[in-house]
PDB file of N, CA and C in Angstrom:
ATOM      1  N   THR A   1      33.074-111.792 -30.762  1.00  0.00           N
ATOM      2  CA  THR A   1      32.740-110.996 -31.925  1.00  0.00           C
ATOM      3  C   THR A   1      34.353-111.723 -32.461  1.00  0.00           C
ATOM      4  N   VAL A   2      34.288-110.903 -33.979  1.00  0.00           N
ATOM      5  CA  VAL A   2      35.270-111.283 -35.175  1.00  0.00           C
ATOM      6  C   VAL A   2      36.498-110.257 -35.261  1.00  0.00           C
ATOM      7  N   ASP A   3      37.757-110.824 -35.059  1.00  0.00           N
ATOM      8  CA  ASP A   3      38.526-109.691 -34.952  1.00  0.00           C
ATOM      9  C   ASP A   3      39.196-109.385 -35.888  1.00  0.00           C
ATOM     10  N   HIS A   4      40.229-108.562 -36.801  1.00  0.00           N
ATOM     11  CA  HIS A   4      41.364-108.492 -37.529  1.00  0.00           C
ATOM     12  C   HIS A   4      42.431-108.687 -36.662  1.00  0.00           C
ATOM     13  N   ILE A   5      43.302-109.516 -36.703  1.00  0.00           N
ATOM     14  CA  ILE A   5      44.303-109.362 -35.524  1.00  0.00           C
ATOM     15  C   ILE A   5      45.407-108.105 -35.776  1.00  0.00           C
ATOM     16  N   VAL A   6      45.559-107.874 -36.871  1.00  0.00           N
ATOM     17  CA  VAL A   6      46.298-106.679 -37.754  1.00  0.00           C
ATOM     18  C   VAL A   6      45.119-105.618 -37.814  1.00  0.00           C
ATOM     19  N   PRO A   7      44.870-104.530 -37.094  1.00  0.00           N
ATOM     20  CA  PRO A   7      44.009-103.865 -37.781  1.00  0.00           C
ATOM     21  C   PRO A   7      43.722-103.614 -39.260  1.00  0.00           C
ATOM     22  N   ILE A   8      42.426-103.579 -39.629  1.00  0.00           N
ATOM     23  CA  ILE A   8      42.378-103.042 -41.595  1.00  0.00           C
ATOM     24  C   ILE A   8      42.723-101.692 -41.669  1.00  0.00           C
ATOM     25  N   ALA A   9      42.271-100.799 -40.283  1.00  0.00           N
ATOM     26  CA  ALA A   9      42.894 -99.412 -40.085  1.00  0.00           C
ATOM     27  C   ALA A   9      44.637 -99.160 -40.441  1.00  0.00           C
ATOM     28  N   TYR A  10      45.089-100.189 -40.211  1.00  0.00           N
ATOM     29  CA  TYR A  10      46.848 -99.909 -40.384  1.00  0.00           C
ATOM     30  C   TYR A  10      46.898-100.903 -41.585  1.00  0.00           C
ATOM     31  N   ASP A  11      46.403-101.713 -41.883  1.00  0.00           N
ATOM     32  CA  ASP A  11      46.632-102.390 -43.110  1.00  0.00           C
ATOM     33  C   ASP A  11      45.510-103.367 -43.547  1.00  0.00           C
ATOM     34  N   SER A  12      44.765-102.260 -44.870  1.00  0.00           N
ATOM     35  CA  SER A  12      43.656-102.677 -45.566  1.00  0.00           C
ATOM     36  C   SER A  12      43.833-103.433 -46.655  1.00  0.00           C
ATOM     37  N   THR A  13      45.282-103.939 -46.960  1.00  0.00           N
ATOM     38  CA  THR A  13      45.175-105.100 -47.804  1.00  0.00           C
ATOM     39  C   THR A  13      45.282-106.748 -47.170  1.00  0.00           C
ATOM     40  N   ILE A  14      45.181-106.738 -45.944  1.00  0.00           N
ATOM     41  CA  ILE A  14      44.718-107.982 -45.436  1.00  0.00           C
ATOM     42  C   ILE A  14      43.291-108.104 -44.916  1.00  0.00           C
ATOM     43  N   ARG A  15      42.579-107.224 -45.521  1.00  0.00           N
ATOM     44  CA  ARG A  15      41.092-107.152 -45.038  1.00  0.00           C
ATOM     45  C   ARG A  15      40.177-108.759 -45.180  1.00  0.00           C
ATOM     46  N   ALA A  16      40.484-109.341 -46.225  1.00  0.00           N
ATOM     47  CA  ALA A  16      39.855-110.608 -46.391  1.00  0.00           C
ATOM     48  C   ALA A  16      40.729-112.169 -46.003  1.00  0.00           C
ATOM     49  N   ASP A  17      41.903-111.753 -45.175  1.00  0.00           N
ATOM     50  CA  ASP A  17      42.868-112.707 -44.826  1.00  0.00           C
ATOM     51  C   ASP A  17      42.473-113.537 -43.640  1.00  0.00           C
ATOM     52  N   GLN A  18      41.883-114.791 -43.924  1.00  0.00           N
ATOM     53  CA  GLN A  18      41.435-115.633 -42.988  1.00  0.00           C
ATOM     54  C   GLN A  18      42.309-116.005 -41.899  1.00  0.00           C
ATOM     55  N   GLY A  19      43.497-115.731 -42.459  1.00  0.00           N
ATOM     56  CA  GLY A  19      44.685-115.924 -41.354  1.00  0.00           C
ATOM     57  C   GLY A  19      44.783-114.381 -40.093  1.00  0.00           C
ATOM     58  N   ASN A  20      44.379-113.312 -40.536  1.00  0.00           N
ATOM     59  CA  ASN A  20      44.176-112.295 -39.877  1.00  0.00           C
ATOM     60  C   ASN A  20      42.926-111.881 -39.023  1.00  0.00           C
ATOM     61  N   LEU A  21      42.321-113.294 -38.637  1.00  0.00           N
ATOM     62  CA  LEU A  21      40.974-112.817 -38.405  1.00  0.00           C
ATOM     63  C   LEU A  21      40.687-114.057 -36.638  1.00  0.00           C
ATOM     64  N   ALA A  22      40.363-113.562 -35.987  1.00  0.00           N
ATOM     65  CA  ALA A  22      40.726-114.506 -34.543  1.00  0.00           C
ATOM     66  C   ALA A  22      39.193-114.112 -33.779  1.00  0.00           C
ATOM     67  N   THR A  23      38.626-115.023 -32.954  1.00  0.00           N
ATOM     68  CA  THR A  23      37.413-114.769 -31.930  1.00  0.00           C
ATOM     69  C   THR A  23      37.704-114.532 -30.999  1.00  0.00           C
ATOM     70  N   ILE A  24      36.982-112.971 -30.823  1.00  0.00           N
ATOM     71  CA  ILE A  24      37.399-113.142 -29.153  1.00  0.00           C
ATOM     72  C   ILE A  24      36.123-112.086 -28.286  1.00  0.00           C
ATOM     73  N   CYS A  25      36.311-112.152 -27.188  1.00  0.00           N
ATOM     74  CA  CYS A  25      34.888-111.805 -26.508  1.00  0.00           C
ATOM     75  C   CYS A  25      35.031-110.305 -26.697  1.00  0.00           C
ATOM     76  N   ARG A  26      33.866-109.396 -26.177  1.00  0.00           N
ATOM     77  CA  ARG A  26      33.247-107.878 -26.458  1.00  0.00           C
ATOM     78  C   ARG A  26      33.983-107.342 -25.693  1.00  0.00           C
ATOM     79  N   GLU A  27      34.722-107.663 -24.486  1.00  0.00           N
ATOM     80  CA  GLU A  27      35.596-107.172 -23.392  1.00  0.00           C
ATOM     81  C   GLU A  27      37.177-106.968 -23.817  1.00  0.00           C
ATOM     82  N   CYS A  28      37.762-107.858 -24.677  1.00  0.00           N
ATOM     83  CA  CYS A  28      38.944-108.168 -24.800  1.00  0.00           C
ATOM     84  C   CYS A  28      39.275-107.420 -26.486  1.00  0.00           C
ATOM     85  N   HIS A  29      37.698-107.390 -27.167  1.00  0.00           N
ATOM     86  CA  HIS A  29      37.935-106.622 -28.616  1.00  0.00           C
ATOM     87  C   HIS A  29      38.123-105.120 -27.851  1.00  0.00           C
ATOM     88  N   ARG A  30      37.313-104.807 -27.014  1.00  0.00           N
ATOM     89  CA  ARG A  30      37.401-103.469 -26.595  1.00  0.00           C
ATOM     90  C   ARG A  30      38.697-103.074 -26.046  1.00  0.00           C
ATOM     91  N   LEU A  31      39.231-103.668 -25.318  1.00  0.00           N
ATOM     92  CA  LEU A  31      40.521-103.608 -24.907  1.00  0.00           C
ATOM     93  C   LEU A  31      41.844-103.633 -25.995  1.00  0.00           C
ATOM     94  N   LYS A  32      41.609-104.581 -26.951  1.00  0.00           N
ATOM     95  CA  LYS A  32      42.564-104.902 -27.799  1.00  0.00           C
ATOM     96  C   LYS A  32      42.864-103.394 -28.999  1.00  0.00           C
ATOM     97  N   THR A  33      41.386-102.720 -29.140  1.00  0.00           N
ATOM     98  CA  THR A  33      41.452-101.906 -29.879  1.00  0.00           C
ATOM     99  C   THR A  33      42.066-100.418 -29.091  1.00  0.00           C
ATOM    100  N   GLN A  34      41.962-100.433 -28.024  1.00  0.00           N
ATOM    101  CA  GLN A  34      42.608 -99.352 -27.276  1.00  0.00           C
ATOM    102  C   GLN A  34      44.027 -99.581 -27.197  1.00  0.00           C
ATOM    103  N   TRP A  35      44.382-100.990 -27.275  1.00  0.00           N
ATOM    104  CA  TRP A  35      45.971-100.984 -27.346  1.00  0.00           C
ATOM    105  C   TRP A  35      46.384-100.722 -28.956  1.00  0.00           C
ATOM    106  N   GLU A  36      45.366-101.317 -29.964  1.00  0.00           N
ATOM    107  CA  GLU A  36      46.081-100.736 -31.225  1.00  0.00           C
ATOM    108  C   GLU A  36      46.017 -99.288 -31.659  1.00  0.00           C
ATOM    109  N   GLN A  37      45.074 -98.531 -31.021  1.00  0.00           N
ATOM    110  CA  GLN A  37      44.869 -97.089 -31.139  1.00  0.00           C
ATOM    111  C   GLN A  37      46.389 -96.466 -30.311  1.00  0.00           C
ATOM    112  N   TYR A  38      47.074 -97.209 -29.202  1.00  0.00           N
ATOM    113  CA  TYR A  38      48.416 -96.982 -28.777  1.00  0.00           C
ATOM    114  C   TYR A  38      49.316 -97.245 -29.708  1.00  0.00           C
ATOM    115  N   TYR A  39      49.256 -98.613 -29.938  1.00  0.00           N
ATOM    116  CA  TYR A  39      50.759 -99.148 -30.594  1.00  0.00           C
ATOM    117  C   TYR A  39      50.653 -98.726 -32.549  1.00  0.00           C
ATOM    118  N   TYR A  40      49.327 -99.073 -32.687  1.00  0.00           N
ATOM    119  CA  TYR A  40      49.463 -98.620 -34.410  1.00  0.00           C
ATOM    120  C   TYR A  40      49.220 -97.318 -34.497  1.00  0.00           C
ATOM    121  N   GLY A  41      48.828 -96.400 -34.105  1.00  0.00           N
ATOM    122  CA  GLY A  41      48.355 -95.143 -34.168  1.00  0.00           C
ATOM    123  C   GLY A  41      47.037 -95.509 -35.074  1.00  0.00           C
ATOM    124  N   THR A  42      45.906 -96.111 -34.442  1.00  0.00           N
ATOM    125  CA  THR A  42      44.787 -96.187 -35.730  1.00  0.00           C
ATOM    126  C   THR A  42      43.427 -95.448 -34.954  1.00  0.00           C
ATOM    127  N   ALA A  43      43.840 -94.336 -34.009  1.00  0.00           N
ATOM    128  CA  ALA A  43      42.521 -93.723 -33.194  1.00  0.00           C
ATOM    129  C   ALA A  43      42.430 -92.743 -34.710  1.00  0.00           C
ATOM    130  N   GLN A  44      41.185 -92.160 -34.257  1.00  0.00           N
ATOM    131  CA  GLN A  44      40.604 -91.047 -35.187  1.00  0.00           C
ATOM    132  C   GLN A  44      41.676 -89.957 -35.260  1.00  0.00           C
ATOM    133  N   ASN A  45      42.053 -88.851 -36.091  1.00  0.00           N
ATOM    134  CA  ASN A  45      42.753 -88.010 -35.980  1.00  0.00           C
ATOM    135  C   ASN A  45      44.083 -87.941 -35.422  1.00  0.00           C
ATOM    136  N   ILE A  46      44.658 -89.271 -35.291  1.00  0.00           N
ATOM    137  CA  ILE A  46      46.421 -89.664 -35.117  1.00  0.00           C
ATOM    138  C   ILE A  46      46.584 -90.054 -36.243  1.00  0.00           C
ATOM    139  N   ALA A  47      48.139 -89.897 -36.580  1.00  0.00           N
ATOM    140  CA  ALA A  47      48.991 -90.617 -37.576  1.00  0.00           C
ATOM    141  C   ALA A  47      49.543 -91.798 -37.330  1.00  0.00           C
ATOM    142  N   LYS A  48      49.362 -92.915 -38.176  1.00  0.00           N
ATOM    143  CA  LYS A  48      49.636 -93.974 -37.922  1.00  0.00           C
ATOM    144  C   LYS A  48      51.104 -94.208 -38.076  1.00  0.00           C
ATOM    145  N   LYS A  49      51.320 -94.933 -37.107  1.00  0.00           N
ATOM    146  CA  LYS A  49      52.865 -95.599 -36.581  1.00  0.00           C
ATOM    147  C   LYS A  49      53.498 -96.145 -37.706  1.00  0.00           C
ATOM    148  N   ASP A  50      54.760 -96.201 -37.600  1.00  0.00           N
ATOM    149  CA  ASP A  50      55.598 -97.296 -38.735  1.00  0.00           C
ATOM    150  C   ASP A  50      56.145 -97.639 -37.689  1.00  0.00           C
ATOM    151  N   VAL A  51      55.073 -99.086 -37.354  1.00  0.00           N
ATOM    152  CA  VAL A  51      55.724-100.124 -36.935  1.00  0.00           C
ATOM    153  C   VAL A  51      55.573-101.484 -37.165  1.00  0.00           C
ATOM    154  N   THR A  52      55.833-102.338 -36.486  1.00  0.00           N
ATOM    155  CA  THR A  52      56.095-103.940 -37.219  1.00  0.00           C
ATOM    156  C   THR A  52      54.681-104.520 -36.917  1.00  0.00           C
ATOM    157  N   GLU A  53      53.863-105.323 -37.998  1.00  0.00           N
ATOM    158  CA  GLU A  53      52.774-105.694 -37.539  1.00  0.00           C
ATOM    159  C   GLU A  53      52.698-106.728 -37.018  1.00  0.00           C
ATOM    160  N   ILE A  54      51.829-107.273 -36.000  1.00  0.00           N
ATOM    161  CA  ILE A  54      52.228-108.518 -35.078  1.00  0.00           C
ATOM    162  C   ILE A  54      50.852-108.852 -35.381  1.00  0.00           C
ATOM    163  N   HIS A  55      51.315-110.133 -35.843  1.00  0.00           N
ATOM    164  CA  HIS A  55      50.287-111.594 -35.970  1.00  0.00           C
ATOM    165  C   HIS A  55      50.139-112.296 -35.081  1.00  0.00           C
ATOM    166  N   ASP A  56      50.965-112.652 -34.124  1.00  0.00           N
ATOM    167  CA  ASP A  56      50.700-113.190 -33.461  1.00  0.00           C
ATOM    168  C   ASP A  56      49.947-113.173 -31.884  1.00  0.00           C
ATOM    169  N   ILE A  57      48.379-113.246 -31.727  1.00  0.00           N
ATOM    170  CA  ILE A  57      47.835-113.105 -31.099  1.00  0.00           C
ATOM    171  C   ILE A  57      48.376-112.911 -29.644  1.00  0.00           C
ATOM    172  N   HIS A  58      48.991-114.360 -29.379  1.00  0.00           N
ATOM    173  CA  HIS A  58      49.505-114.073 -27.849  1.00  0.00           C
ATOM    174  C   HIS A  58      50.253-113.307 -27.651  1.00  0.00           C
ATOM    175  N   ARG A  59      51.132-112.903 -28.440  1.00  0.00           N
ATOM    176  CA  ARG A  59      52.404-112.009 -28.343  1.00  0.00           C
ATOM    177  C   ARG A  59      51.719-110.361 -28.019  1.00  0.00           C
ATOM    178  N   ILE A  60      50.487-110.167 -28.625  1.00  0.00           N
ATOM    179  CA  ILE A  60      49.726-108.980 -28.473  1.00  0.00           C
ATOM    180  C   ILE A  60      49.202-108.887 -26.893  1.00  0.00           C
ATOM    181  N   VAL A  61      48.549-110.280 -26.713  1.00  0.00           N
ATOM    182  CA  VAL A  61      47.802-110.281 -25.075  1.00  0.00           C
ATOM    183  C   VAL A  61      48.803-109.647 -24.221  1.00  0.00           C
ATOM    184  N   VAL A  62      50.278-110.097 -24.219  1.00  0.00           N
ATOM    185  CA  VAL A  62      51.360-110.314 -23.356  1.00  0.00           C
ATOM    186  C   VAL A  62      51.439-108.616 -23.912  1.00  0.00           C
ATOM    187  N   LEU A  63      51.539-108.287 -24.938  1.00  0.00           N
ATOM    188  CA  LEU A  63      51.786-106.311 -24.839  1.00  0.00           C
ATOM    189  C   LEU A  63      50.746-105.476 -24.158  1.00  0.00           C
ATOM    190  N   MET A  64      49.406-106.288 -24.760  1.00  0.00           N
ATOM    191  CA  MET A  64      47.947-105.210 -24.006  1.00  0.00           C
ATOM    192  C   MET A  64      48.486-105.187 -22.358  1.00  0.00           C
ATOM    193  N   HIS A  65      48.688-106.209 -21.638  1.00  0.00           N
ATOM    194  CA  HIS A  65      49.316-106.326 -20.238  1.00  0.00           C
ATOM    195  C   HIS A  65      50.098-105.506 -20.014  1.00  0.00           C
ATOM    196  N   GLN A  66      51.139-104.996 -21.100  1.00  0.00           N
ATOM    197  CA  GLN A  66      52.431-104.401 -20.282  1.00  0.00           C
ATOM    198  C   GLN A  66      52.467-103.112 -20.568  1.00  0.00           C
ATOM    199  N   LYS A  67      51.029-102.795 -21.479  1.00  0.00           N
ATOM    200  CA  LYS A  67      51.036-101.121 -21.446  1.00  0.00           C
ATOM    201  C   LYS A  67      50.484-100.465 -20.347  1.00  0.00           C
TER     202      LYS A  67
END
């Protein structure tokens, strides 16, 4: 699956930025989406949070496992 590292639901201006794309497996994509909803507030009917965008996929993986 091709995934936006910083979700476009959080920052739509980087939708076409190839540097914001990563290939990940389906299960990792599901887990990352859950983490994004928690971190960025990108879930439906939830206000987006004012947080720093994380562009480093390795840091995201670490944070996903700390949640």
